[in-house]
Amino acid sequence: MSTRSRSDVDVLLIRHGETDWSLTGRHTGNTDLPLTARGELEASALAPLLANRQFDLVLVSPLKRAQRTCDLAGLARDMSIEPDLREWDYGAYEGLRSDEIHRDVPDWLVFRDGCPQGESPEQVGVRADRVIRRVRKNGGRVAVFAHGHILRVMAARWIGLTPTHGCNFLLDTATLSILSSYYDQPALNCWNASIH
């Protein structure tokens, strides 16, 4: 017996390809970095996987690394910019690596503590909830191109966990994840699937 109905929503989450800062572990919120050459290849490799899929909605972060990934993945013509998909505002921690932050704040965890002069986990959760409401209202198959931390919070919120639980969902660049349902209960169908 199938666990799915025609009213189900499938949300394909795609994290953008590699940037210089994702490669070196620097917190990249509003800094609008391009993809590296490898990031461009990663994003281009998504195209054959997405070529035969029809999407009812394609949502993309306003930052160019996500938009370029969407473009190279072959879905640029259908993209709709969604401001709530921008990455976590890291405030004073923008551009820093976790080990640099831990020198001053040894127990810091972005998903629990947020960032000074930036966003709290609750604020990011509110944005994720708005995106989730939009995709559920739209229905059908949705593609979302965005960033590691906002997508991790979105996964947590999809299944009813707090934004803090985003720390439990590791997410690499240029990976595919699917938010779906099981007997009308929100579920993860796939997480952090590498295309390589």
N, C-alpha and C. Protein backbone atom coordinates (compact mmCIF):
# COMPACT_ATOMS: atom_id res chain seq x y z
N MET A 1 0.84 -1.18 0.00
CA MET A 1 0.00 0.00 0.00
C MET A 1 0.88 1.24 0.00
N SER A 2 0.55 2.22 -0.82
CA SER A 2 1.32 3.45 -0.90
C SER A 2 1.09 4.31 0.33
N THR A 3 2.15 4.98 0.76
CA THR A 3 2.05 5.89 1.91
C THR A 3 1.84 7.32 1.46
N ARG A 4 1.65 7.53 0.16
CA ARG A 4 1.59 8.88 -0.38
C ARG A 4 0.25 9.14 -1.05
N SER A 5 -0.12 10.38 -1.09
CA SER A 5 -1.34 10.77 -1.80
C SER A 5 -1.01 11.90 -2.77
N ARG A 6 -1.92 12.22 -3.63
CA ARG A 6 -1.68 13.26 -4.63
C ARG A 6 -1.52 14.63 -4.01
N SER A 7 -1.98 14.82 -2.79
CA SER A 7 -1.87 16.13 -2.15
C SER A 7 -0.52 16.32 -1.45
N ASP A 8 0.31 15.28 -1.45
CA ASP A 8 1.61 15.37 -0.81
C ASP A 8 2.49 16.43 -1.47
N VAL A 9 3.41 16.93 -0.69
CA VAL A 9 4.40 17.88 -1.17
C VAL A 9 5.75 17.20 -1.07
N ASP A 10 6.52 17.24 -2.13
CA ASP A 10 7.91 16.80 -2.10
C ASP A 10 8.76 18.04 -2.30
N VAL A 11 9.68 18.26 -1.37
CA VAL A 11 10.55 19.43 -1.43
C VAL A 11 11.98 18.95 -1.59
N LEU A 12 12.56 19.23 -2.74
CA LEU A 12 13.94 18.87 -3.01
C LEU A 12 14.82 20.04 -2.57
N LEU A 13 15.64 19.81 -1.55
CA LEU A 13 16.55 20.83 -1.05
C LEU A 13 17.91 20.65 -1.72
N ILE A 14 18.45 21.73 -2.27
CA ILE A 14 19.76 21.68 -2.91
C ILE A 14 20.64 22.76 -2.29
N ARG A 15 21.71 22.33 -1.64
CA ARG A 15 22.67 23.31 -1.12
C ARG A 15 23.56 23.74 -2.27
N HIS A 16 23.90 25.01 -2.29
CA HIS A 16 24.74 25.56 -3.36
C HIS A 16 26.09 24.85 -3.43
N GLY A 17 26.77 25.01 -4.56
CA GLY A 17 28.10 24.44 -4.74
C GLY A 17 29.15 25.14 -3.88
N GLU A 18 30.34 24.60 -3.92
CA GLU A 18 31.45 25.08 -3.10
C GLU A 18 31.80 26.54 -3.39
N THR A 19 32.12 27.28 -2.32
CA THR A 19 32.71 28.62 -2.42
C THR A 19 34.05 28.58 -1.69
N ASP A 20 34.84 29.63 -1.83
CA ASP A 20 36.10 29.69 -1.10
C ASP A 20 35.88 29.57 0.40
N TRP A 21 34.83 30.19 0.90
CA TRP A 21 34.59 30.18 2.35
C TRP A 21 33.98 28.87 2.82
N SER A 22 33.13 28.23 2.02
CA SER A 22 32.62 26.92 2.45
C SER A 22 33.76 25.91 2.48
N LEU A 23 34.70 26.05 1.57
CA LEU A 23 35.86 25.16 1.51
C LEU A 23 36.73 25.30 2.76
N THR A 24 36.85 26.51 3.29
CA THR A 24 37.72 26.76 4.44
C THR A 24 36.95 26.84 5.76
N GLY A 25 35.65 26.58 5.73
CA GLY A 25 34.86 26.55 6.96
C GLY A 25 34.52 27.91 7.54
N ARG A 26 34.56 28.96 6.72
CA ARG A 26 34.23 30.31 7.19
C ARG A 26 32.71 30.51 7.11
N HIS A 27 32.14 31.10 8.14
CA HIS A 27 30.70 31.36 8.17
C HIS A 27 30.37 32.41 7.11
N THR A 28 29.56 31.98 6.15
CA THR A 28 29.22 32.82 5.01
C THR A 28 27.73 33.09 5.01
N GLY A 29 27.35 34.22 5.59
CA GLY A 29 25.95 34.59 5.62
C GLY A 29 25.60 35.47 4.45
N ASN A 30 25.71 36.78 4.66
CA ASN A 30 25.31 37.75 3.64
C ASN A 30 26.43 38.13 2.69
N THR A 31 27.65 37.66 2.93
CA THR A 31 28.74 37.92 1.98
C THR A 31 28.42 37.15 0.71
N ASP A 32 28.33 37.87 -0.40
CA ASP A 32 27.82 37.28 -1.64
C ASP A 32 28.96 36.73 -2.50
N LEU A 33 29.47 35.58 -2.12
CA LEU A 33 30.61 34.97 -2.80
C LEU A 33 30.18 34.16 -4.02
N PRO A 34 31.04 34.11 -5.04
CA PRO A 34 30.76 33.24 -6.19
C PRO A 34 31.15 31.80 -5.87
N LEU A 35 30.72 30.89 -6.71
CA LEU A 35 31.17 29.51 -6.62
C LEU A 35 32.63 29.41 -7.06
N THR A 36 33.35 28.47 -6.50
CA THR A 36 34.69 28.16 -7.00
C THR A 36 34.53 27.40 -8.31
N ALA A 37 35.66 27.15 -8.99
CA ALA A 37 35.60 26.34 -10.21
C ALA A 37 35.03 24.96 -9.89
N ARG A 38 35.44 24.39 -8.76
CA ARG A 38 34.89 23.09 -8.35
C ARG A 38 33.39 23.21 -8.05
N GLY A 39 32.99 24.32 -7.41
CA GLY A 39 31.58 24.56 -7.12
C GLY A 39 30.74 24.63 -8.38
N GLU A 40 31.31 25.23 -9.44
CA GLU A 40 30.61 25.29 -10.73
C GLU A 40 30.43 23.87 -11.30
N LEU A 41 31.47 23.05 -11.17
CA LEU A 41 31.36 21.67 -11.65
C LEU A 41 30.34 20.88 -10.84
N GLU A 42 30.35 21.09 -9.52
CA GLU A 42 29.37 20.41 -8.66
C GLU A 42 27.95 20.78 -9.08
N ALA A 43 27.73 22.07 -9.29
CA ALA A 43 26.39 22.54 -9.66
C ALA A 43 25.98 22.01 -11.03
N SER A 44 26.91 22.00 -11.97
CA SER A 44 26.62 21.48 -13.31
C SER A 44 26.28 19.99 -13.27
N ALA A 45 26.88 19.27 -12.34
CA ALA A 45 26.61 17.83 -12.23
C ALA A 45 25.20 17.55 -11.75
N LEU A 46 24.53 18.54 -11.20
CA LEU A 46 23.14 18.37 -10.77
C LEU A 46 22.18 18.32 -11.96
N ALA A 47 22.57 18.96 -13.06
CA ALA A 47 21.66 19.10 -14.21
C ALA A 47 21.11 17.78 -14.73
N PRO A 48 21.93 16.75 -14.96
CA PRO A 48 21.35 15.50 -15.47
C PRO A 48 20.35 14.85 -14.50
N LEU A 49 20.56 15.06 -13.20
CA LEU A 49 19.64 14.48 -12.22
C LEU A 49 18.30 15.20 -12.20
N LEU A 50 18.32 16.47 -12.54
CA LEU A 50 17.09 17.27 -12.48
C LEU A 50 16.42 17.44 -13.83
N ALA A 51 17.10 17.04 -14.90
CA ALA A 51 16.63 17.32 -16.27
C ALA A 51 15.25 16.76 -16.56
N ASN A 52 14.91 15.60 -16.05
CA ASN A 52 13.63 14.97 -16.38
C ASN A 52 12.57 15.15 -15.30
N ARG A 53 12.84 16.02 -14.35
CA ARG A 53 11.88 16.27 -13.28
C ARG A 53 11.12 17.56 -13.56
N GLN A 54 9.84 17.53 -13.30
CA GLN A 54 9.01 18.73 -13.42
C GLN A 54 8.78 19.29 -12.02
N PHE A 55 8.96 20.59 -11.88
CA PHE A 55 8.76 21.24 -10.59
C PHE A 55 7.61 22.24 -10.69
N ASP A 56 6.77 22.24 -9.69
CA ASP A 56 5.67 23.19 -9.63
C ASP A 56 6.13 24.55 -9.11
N LEU A 57 7.27 24.55 -8.42
CA LEU A 57 7.80 25.78 -7.84
C LEU A 57 9.30 25.59 -7.64
N VAL A 58 10.09 26.62 -8.00
CA VAL A 58 11.53 26.61 -7.78
C VAL A 58 11.87 27.87 -7.00
N LEU A 59 12.25 27.68 -5.75
CA LEU A 59 12.59 28.81 -4.87
C LEU A 59 14.10 28.88 -4.69
N VAL A 60 14.62 30.11 -4.72
CA VAL A 60 16.07 30.30 -4.67
C VAL A 60 16.39 31.47 -3.74
N SER A 61 17.44 31.30 -2.97
CA SER A 61 17.96 32.37 -2.12
C SER A 61 18.34 33.57 -2.98
N PRO A 62 18.29 34.78 -2.42
CA PRO A 62 18.71 35.96 -3.19
C PRO A 62 20.23 36.05 -3.38
N LEU A 63 21.01 35.17 -2.77
CA LEU A 63 22.46 35.25 -2.88
C LEU A 63 22.95 34.51 -4.13
N LYS A 64 23.97 35.07 -4.78
CA LYS A 64 24.36 34.59 -6.11
C LYS A 64 24.89 33.16 -6.12
N ARG A 65 25.47 32.68 -5.01
CA ARG A 65 25.97 31.30 -5.02
C ARG A 65 24.83 30.30 -5.18
N ALA A 66 23.68 30.59 -4.59
CA ALA A 66 22.51 29.73 -4.76
C ALA A 66 21.89 29.90 -6.14
N GLN A 67 21.82 31.14 -6.61
CA GLN A 67 21.25 31.39 -7.94
C GLN A 67 22.10 30.76 -9.04
N ARG A 68 23.41 30.84 -8.89
CA ARG A 68 24.30 30.24 -9.90
C ARG A 68 24.16 28.71 -9.89
N THR A 69 24.01 28.13 -8.71
CA THR A 69 23.80 26.69 -8.63
C THR A 69 22.51 26.30 -9.34
N CYS A 70 21.45 27.05 -9.11
CA CYS A 70 20.17 26.80 -9.79
C CYS A 70 20.33 26.91 -11.29
N ASP A 71 21.04 27.93 -11.75
CA ASP A 71 21.27 28.14 -13.17
C ASP A 71 22.02 26.96 -13.79
N LEU A 72 23.13 26.56 -13.16
CA LEU A 72 23.93 25.46 -13.70
C LEU A 72 23.20 24.12 -13.59
N ALA A 73 22.29 24.02 -12.65
CA ALA A 73 21.48 22.80 -12.51
C ALA A 73 20.35 22.74 -13.53
N GLY A 74 20.16 23.82 -14.29
CA GLY A 74 19.19 23.82 -15.38
C GLY A 74 17.81 24.32 -15.05
N LEU A 75 17.64 24.95 -13.87
CA LEU A 75 16.29 25.39 -13.47
C LEU A 75 16.13 26.91 -13.39
N ALA A 76 17.07 27.65 -13.96
CA ALA A 76 17.04 29.12 -13.84
C ALA A 76 15.78 29.73 -14.42
N ARG A 77 15.27 29.16 -15.50
CA ARG A 77 14.09 29.78 -16.15
C ARG A 77 12.85 29.75 -15.25
N ASP A 78 12.84 28.84 -14.29
CA ASP A 78 11.68 28.72 -13.40
C ASP A 78 11.90 29.31 -12.02
N MET A 79 13.09 29.89 -11.78
CA MET A 79 13.41 30.31 -10.41
C MET A 79 12.60 31.51 -9.95
N SER A 80 12.25 31.45 -8.68
CA SER A 80 11.58 32.54 -7.99
C SER A 80 12.44 32.87 -6.77
N ILE A 81 12.89 34.12 -6.67
CA ILE A 81 13.75 34.52 -5.55
C ILE A 81 12.90 34.58 -4.28
N GLU A 82 13.38 33.90 -3.24
CA GLU A 82 12.70 33.86 -1.94
C GLU A 82 13.64 34.44 -0.88
N PRO A 83 13.38 35.69 -0.44
CA PRO A 83 14.26 36.34 0.54
C PRO A 83 14.45 35.55 1.83
N ASP A 84 13.45 34.78 2.24
CA ASP A 84 13.57 34.02 3.49
C ASP A 84 14.57 32.87 3.39
N LEU A 85 15.06 32.57 2.19
CA LEU A 85 16.05 31.50 2.03
C LEU A 85 17.49 31.98 2.13
N ARG A 86 17.69 33.27 2.39
CA ARG A 86 19.08 33.72 2.56
C ARG A 86 19.69 32.99 3.76
N GLU A 87 21.00 32.91 3.76
CA GLU A 87 21.68 32.18 4.83
C GLU A 87 21.57 32.94 6.16
N TRP A 88 21.83 32.23 7.23
CA TRP A 88 21.86 32.77 8.59
C TRP A 88 22.67 34.06 8.59
N ASP A 89 22.18 35.09 9.25
CA ASP A 89 22.96 36.33 9.43
C ASP A 89 23.90 36.10 10.60
N TYR A 90 25.19 35.94 10.29
CA TYR A 90 26.18 35.63 11.32
C TYR A 90 26.69 36.87 12.06
N GLY A 91 26.25 38.06 11.64
CA GLY A 91 26.60 39.27 12.37
C GLY A 91 28.11 39.40 12.57
N ALA A 92 28.52 39.54 13.84
CA ALA A 92 29.94 39.72 14.17
C ALA A 92 30.78 38.50 13.82
N TYR A 93 30.15 37.35 13.57
CA TYR A 93 30.89 36.13 13.26
C TYR A 93 31.02 35.87 11.75
N GLU A 94 30.53 36.79 10.94
CA GLU A 94 30.63 36.64 9.49
C GLU A 94 32.10 36.51 9.08
N GLY A 95 32.40 35.48 8.30
CA GLY A 95 33.75 35.28 7.80
C GLY A 95 34.68 34.54 8.74
N LEU A 96 34.22 34.26 9.95
CA LEU A 96 35.06 33.54 10.92
C LEU A 96 34.80 32.05 10.85
N ARG A 97 35.81 31.27 11.22
CA ARG A 97 35.65 29.83 11.37
C ARG A 97 35.24 29.55 12.82
N SER A 98 34.61 28.40 13.03
CA SER A 98 34.17 28.04 14.39
C SER A 98 35.33 28.00 15.37
N ASP A 99 36.49 27.50 14.95
CA ASP A 99 37.62 27.44 15.88
C ASP A 99 38.08 28.83 16.31
N GLU A 100 37.92 29.83 15.43
CA GLU A 100 38.26 31.21 15.80
C GLU A 100 37.27 31.76 16.83
N ILE A 101 36.00 31.46 16.65
CA ILE A 101 34.97 31.90 17.59
C ILE A 101 35.16 31.21 18.94
N HIS A 102 35.53 29.94 18.92
CA HIS A 102 35.69 29.17 20.15
C HIS A 102 36.84 29.65 21.03
N ARG A 103 37.77 30.43 20.48
CA ARG A 103 38.84 31.01 21.30
C ARG A 103 38.27 31.95 22.35
N ASP A 104 37.22 32.68 21.97
CA ASP A 104 36.58 33.62 22.91
C ASP A 104 35.34 33.04 23.57
N VAL A 105 34.63 32.18 22.86
CA VAL A 105 33.39 31.59 23.37
C VAL A 105 33.48 30.08 23.16
N PRO A 106 34.14 29.37 24.08
CA PRO A 106 34.47 27.95 23.86
C PRO A 106 33.28 27.04 23.57
N ASP A 107 32.13 27.29 24.15
CA ASP A 107 30.99 26.39 23.98
C ASP A 107 29.99 26.86 22.93
N TRP A 108 30.36 27.86 22.13
CA TRP A 108 29.42 28.43 21.17
C TRP A 108 28.96 27.41 20.14
N LEU A 109 27.66 27.44 19.86
CA LEU A 109 27.05 26.63 18.81
C LEU A 109 25.99 27.49 18.14
N VAL A 110 26.14 27.73 16.85
CA VAL A 110 25.24 28.65 16.15
C VAL A 110 23.78 28.24 16.31
N PHE A 111 23.49 26.95 16.28
CA PHE A 111 22.11 26.49 16.34
C PHE A 111 21.49 26.68 17.73
N ARG A 112 22.31 26.88 18.74
CA ARG A 112 21.81 27.11 20.09
C ARG A 112 21.92 28.58 20.49
N ASP A 113 23.05 29.22 20.11
CA ASP A 113 23.40 30.54 20.63
C ASP A 113 23.18 31.68 19.66
N GLY A 114 23.05 31.38 18.37
CA GLY A 114 22.93 32.46 17.40
C GLY A 114 24.22 33.25 17.31
N CYS A 115 24.11 34.47 16.82
CA CYS A 115 25.31 35.29 16.58
C CYS A 115 25.09 36.72 17.07
N PRO A 116 26.08 37.29 17.78
CA PRO A 116 25.96 38.69 18.17
C PRO A 116 25.85 39.58 16.94
N GLN A 117 24.93 40.52 16.99
CA GLN A 117 24.65 41.45 15.88
C GLN A 117 24.11 40.71 14.65
N GLY A 118 23.73 39.46 14.84
CA GLY A 118 23.15 38.68 13.75
C GLY A 118 21.84 38.06 14.20
N GLU A 119 21.54 36.88 13.69
CA GLU A 119 20.26 36.24 13.99
C GLU A 119 20.36 35.19 15.09
N SER A 120 19.25 35.02 15.77
CA SER A 120 19.09 33.94 16.75
C SER A 120 18.52 32.72 16.03
N PRO A 121 18.62 31.54 16.64
CA PRO A 121 17.99 30.36 16.04
C PRO A 121 16.49 30.56 15.83
N GLU A 122 15.84 31.24 16.76
CA GLU A 122 14.39 31.47 16.63
C GLU A 122 14.07 32.33 15.42
N GLN A 123 14.88 33.34 15.16
CA GLN A 123 14.64 34.20 13.99
C GLN A 123 14.81 33.42 12.68
N VAL A 124 15.83 32.57 12.63
CA VAL A 124 16.02 31.74 11.43
C VAL A 124 14.86 30.76 11.31
N GLY A 125 14.40 30.23 12.44
CA GLY A 125 13.26 29.31 12.43
C GLY A 125 11.99 29.96 11.89
N VAL A 126 11.78 31.23 12.21
CA VAL A 126 10.61 31.96 11.69
C VAL A 126 10.69 32.05 10.17
N ARG A 127 11.87 32.33 9.64
CA ARG A 127 12.03 32.39 8.18
C ARG A 127 11.79 31.02 7.55
N ALA A 128 12.36 29.98 8.16
CA ALA A 128 12.17 28.62 7.64
C ALA A 128 10.69 28.25 7.65
N ASP A 129 9.98 28.61 8.71
CA ASP A 129 8.55 28.31 8.80
C ASP A 129 7.76 28.99 7.68
N ARG A 130 8.15 30.23 7.34
CA ARG A 130 7.44 30.92 6.25
C ARG A 130 7.65 30.20 4.92
N VAL A 131 8.87 29.74 4.68
CA VAL A 131 9.13 28.99 3.44
C VAL A 131 8.33 27.70 3.44
N ILE A 132 8.30 27.00 4.56
CA ILE A 132 7.55 25.75 4.65
C ILE A 132 6.07 25.99 4.39
N ARG A 133 5.51 27.04 4.96
CA ARG A 133 4.10 27.35 4.70
C ARG A 133 3.87 27.60 3.21
N ARG A 134 4.79 28.32 2.58
CA ARG A 134 4.65 28.62 1.16
C ARG A 134 4.67 27.34 0.33
N VAL A 135 5.60 26.43 0.60
CA VAL A 135 5.67 25.22 -0.23
C VAL A 135 4.49 24.30 0.04
N ARG A 136 4.02 24.25 1.27
CA ARG A 136 2.84 23.41 1.56
C ARG A 136 1.59 23.98 0.90
N LYS A 137 1.48 25.29 0.90
CA LYS A 137 0.34 25.93 0.25
C LYS A 137 0.38 25.69 -1.26
N ASN A 138 1.57 25.77 -1.84
CA ASN A 138 1.72 25.56 -3.28
C ASN A 138 1.43 24.11 -3.64
N GLY A 139 1.95 23.16 -2.83
CA GLY A 139 1.79 21.74 -3.12
C GLY A 139 2.67 21.28 -4.26
N GLY A 140 2.62 20.01 -4.54
CA GLY A 140 3.38 19.44 -5.65
C GLY A 140 4.85 19.27 -5.36
N ARG A 141 5.63 19.27 -6.42
CA ARG A 141 7.08 19.09 -6.32
C ARG A 141 7.75 20.47 -6.34
N VAL A 142 8.57 20.71 -5.32
CA VAL A 142 9.22 22.01 -5.15
C VAL A 142 10.73 21.80 -5.07
N ALA A 143 11.49 22.65 -5.75
CA ALA A 143 12.95 22.66 -5.62
C ALA A 143 13.35 23.92 -4.86
N VAL A 144 14.26 23.76 -3.90
CA VAL A 144 14.73 24.88 -3.08
C VAL A 144 16.26 24.90 -3.16
N PHE A 145 16.80 26.01 -3.64
CA PHE A 145 18.25 26.20 -3.70
C PHE A 145 18.65 27.23 -2.65
N ALA A 146 19.46 26.79 -1.69
CA ALA A 146 19.82 27.71 -0.62
C ALA A 146 21.15 27.29 0.02
N HIS A 147 21.25 27.45 1.33
CA HIS A 147 22.51 27.39 2.06
C HIS A 147 22.43 26.38 3.21
N GLY A 148 23.59 25.96 3.67
CA GLY A 148 23.69 24.89 4.66
C GLY A 148 22.87 25.09 5.91
N HIS A 149 23.03 26.20 6.60
CA HIS A 149 22.38 26.34 7.90
C HIS A 149 20.88 26.60 7.79
N ILE A 150 20.45 27.41 6.84
CA ILE A 150 19.01 27.64 6.69
C ILE A 150 18.31 26.35 6.27
N LEU A 151 18.95 25.55 5.41
CA LEU A 151 18.33 24.29 5.00
C LEU A 151 18.29 23.28 6.14
N ARG A 152 19.29 23.30 7.01
CA ARG A 152 19.28 22.40 8.17
C ARG A 152 18.16 22.78 9.14
N VAL A 153 17.95 24.09 9.33
CA VAL A 153 16.84 24.53 10.17
C VAL A 153 15.51 24.18 9.51
N MET A 154 15.44 24.33 8.20
CA MET A 154 14.21 24.01 7.49
C MET A 154 13.86 22.53 7.65
N ALA A 155 14.85 21.64 7.59
CA ALA A 155 14.61 20.21 7.79
C ALA A 155 14.09 19.94 9.19
N ALA A 156 14.70 20.58 10.18
CA ALA A 156 14.25 20.39 11.57
C ALA A 156 12.81 20.85 11.74
N ARG A 157 12.50 22.02 11.21
CA ARG A 157 11.15 22.57 11.35
C ARG A 157 10.13 21.73 10.58
N TRP A 158 10.52 21.17 9.43
CA TRP A 158 9.62 20.35 8.62
C TRP A 158 9.06 19.19 9.43
N ILE A 159 9.92 18.59 10.26
CA ILE A 159 9.48 17.42 11.04
C ILE A 159 9.13 17.79 12.48
N GLY A 160 8.92 19.09 12.74
CA GLY A 160 8.40 19.52 14.03
C GLY A 160 9.42 19.70 15.12
N LEU A 161 10.71 19.73 14.78
CA LEU A 161 11.74 19.97 15.78
C LEU A 161 12.04 21.47 15.88
N THR A 162 12.73 21.86 16.92
CA THR A 162 13.10 23.27 17.08
C THR A 162 14.24 23.62 16.13
N PRO A 163 14.46 24.91 15.87
CA PRO A 163 15.61 25.30 15.03
C PRO A 163 16.94 24.79 15.58
N THR A 164 17.04 24.66 16.89
CA THR A 164 18.28 24.16 17.50
C THR A 164 18.64 22.78 16.98
N HIS A 165 17.64 21.98 16.63
CA HIS A 165 17.90 20.64 16.12
C HIS A 165 18.52 20.63 14.72
N GLY A 166 18.65 21.79 14.10
CA GLY A 166 19.37 21.85 12.83
C GLY A 166 20.79 21.34 12.95
N CYS A 167 21.34 21.39 14.17
CA CYS A 167 22.71 20.89 14.39
C CYS A 167 22.79 19.38 14.13
N ASN A 168 21.69 18.68 14.12
CA ASN A 168 21.68 17.24 13.93
C ASN A 168 21.63 16.80 12.47
N PHE A 169 21.61 17.75 11.56
CA PHE A 169 21.52 17.45 10.13
C PHE A 169 22.74 18.01 9.40
N LEU A 170 23.75 17.19 9.20
CA LEU A 170 24.94 17.64 8.48
C LEU A 170 24.59 17.78 7.00
N LEU A 171 25.19 18.78 6.34
CA LEU A 171 24.82 19.05 4.95
C LEU A 171 26.03 19.56 4.18
N ASP A 172 26.44 18.80 3.17
CA ASP A 172 27.57 19.16 2.34
C ASP A 172 27.12 20.02 1.17
N THR A 173 28.10 20.64 0.48
CA THR A 173 27.77 21.45 -0.69
C THR A 173 27.28 20.57 -1.84
N ALA A 174 26.42 21.15 -2.65
CA ALA A 174 25.89 20.52 -3.87
C ALA A 174 25.31 19.13 -3.60
N THR A 175 24.57 19.01 -2.51
CA THR A 175 23.90 17.74 -2.20
C THR A 175 22.40 17.90 -2.35
N LEU A 176 21.73 16.75 -2.43
CA LEU A 176 20.28 16.72 -2.55
C LEU A 176 19.67 16.11 -1.30
N SER A 177 18.58 16.71 -0.84
CA SER A 177 17.80 16.18 0.27
C SER A 177 16.34 16.32 -0.10
N ILE A 178 15.49 15.46 0.46
CA ILE A 178 14.06 15.53 0.12
C ILE A 178 13.22 15.52 1.38
N LEU A 179 12.38 16.55 1.50
CA LEU A 179 11.37 16.61 2.55
C LEU A 179 10.08 16.06 1.96
N SER A 180 9.44 15.16 2.68
CA SER A 180 8.25 14.52 2.14
C SER A 180 7.27 14.23 3.27
N SER A 181 6.54 13.13 3.15
CA SER A 181 5.61 12.75 4.21
C SER A 181 5.46 11.24 4.26
N TYR A 182 5.00 10.76 5.40
CA TYR A 182 4.73 9.35 5.64
C TYR A 182 3.39 9.27 6.34
N TYR A 183 2.38 8.69 5.67
CA TYR A 183 1.02 8.67 6.22
C TYR A 183 0.61 10.05 6.74
N ASP A 184 0.80 11.05 5.91
CA ASP A 184 0.44 12.44 6.22
C ASP A 184 1.26 13.07 7.34
N GLN A 185 2.32 12.41 7.75
CA GLN A 185 3.23 12.99 8.74
C GLN A 185 4.49 13.48 8.03
N PRO A 186 4.93 14.70 8.33
CA PRO A 186 6.16 15.20 7.70
C PRO A 186 7.32 14.25 7.96
N ALA A 187 8.11 14.01 6.93
CA ALA A 187 9.22 13.05 7.03
C ALA A 187 10.36 13.47 6.11
N LEU A 188 11.54 12.95 6.40
CA LEU A 188 12.69 13.11 5.52
C LEU A 188 12.77 11.87 4.64
N ASN A 189 12.75 12.07 3.33
CA ASN A 189 12.84 10.96 2.39
C ASN A 189 14.28 10.65 2.04
N CYS A 190 15.13 11.68 2.06
CA CYS A 190 16.52 11.55 1.67
C CYS A 190 17.27 12.72 2.31
N TRP A 191 18.52 12.47 2.73
CA TRP A 191 19.28 13.57 3.33
C TRP A 191 20.73 13.53 2.89
N ASN A 192 21.24 14.69 2.47
CA ASN A 192 22.66 14.92 2.18
C ASN A 192 23.20 13.93 1.15
N ALA A 193 22.42 13.65 0.12
CA ALA A 193 22.83 12.70 -0.91
C ALA A 193 23.82 13.35 -1.86
N SER A 194 24.99 12.78 -1.95
CA SER A 194 26.02 13.28 -2.85
C SER A 194 25.71 12.82 -4.27
N ILE A 195 26.02 13.66 -5.24
CA ILE A 195 25.82 13.29 -6.63
C ILE A 195 27.06 12.68 -7.23
N HIS A 196 28.13 12.61 -6.47
CA HIS A 196 29.42 12.11 -7.00
C HIS A 196 29.60 10.65 -6.66
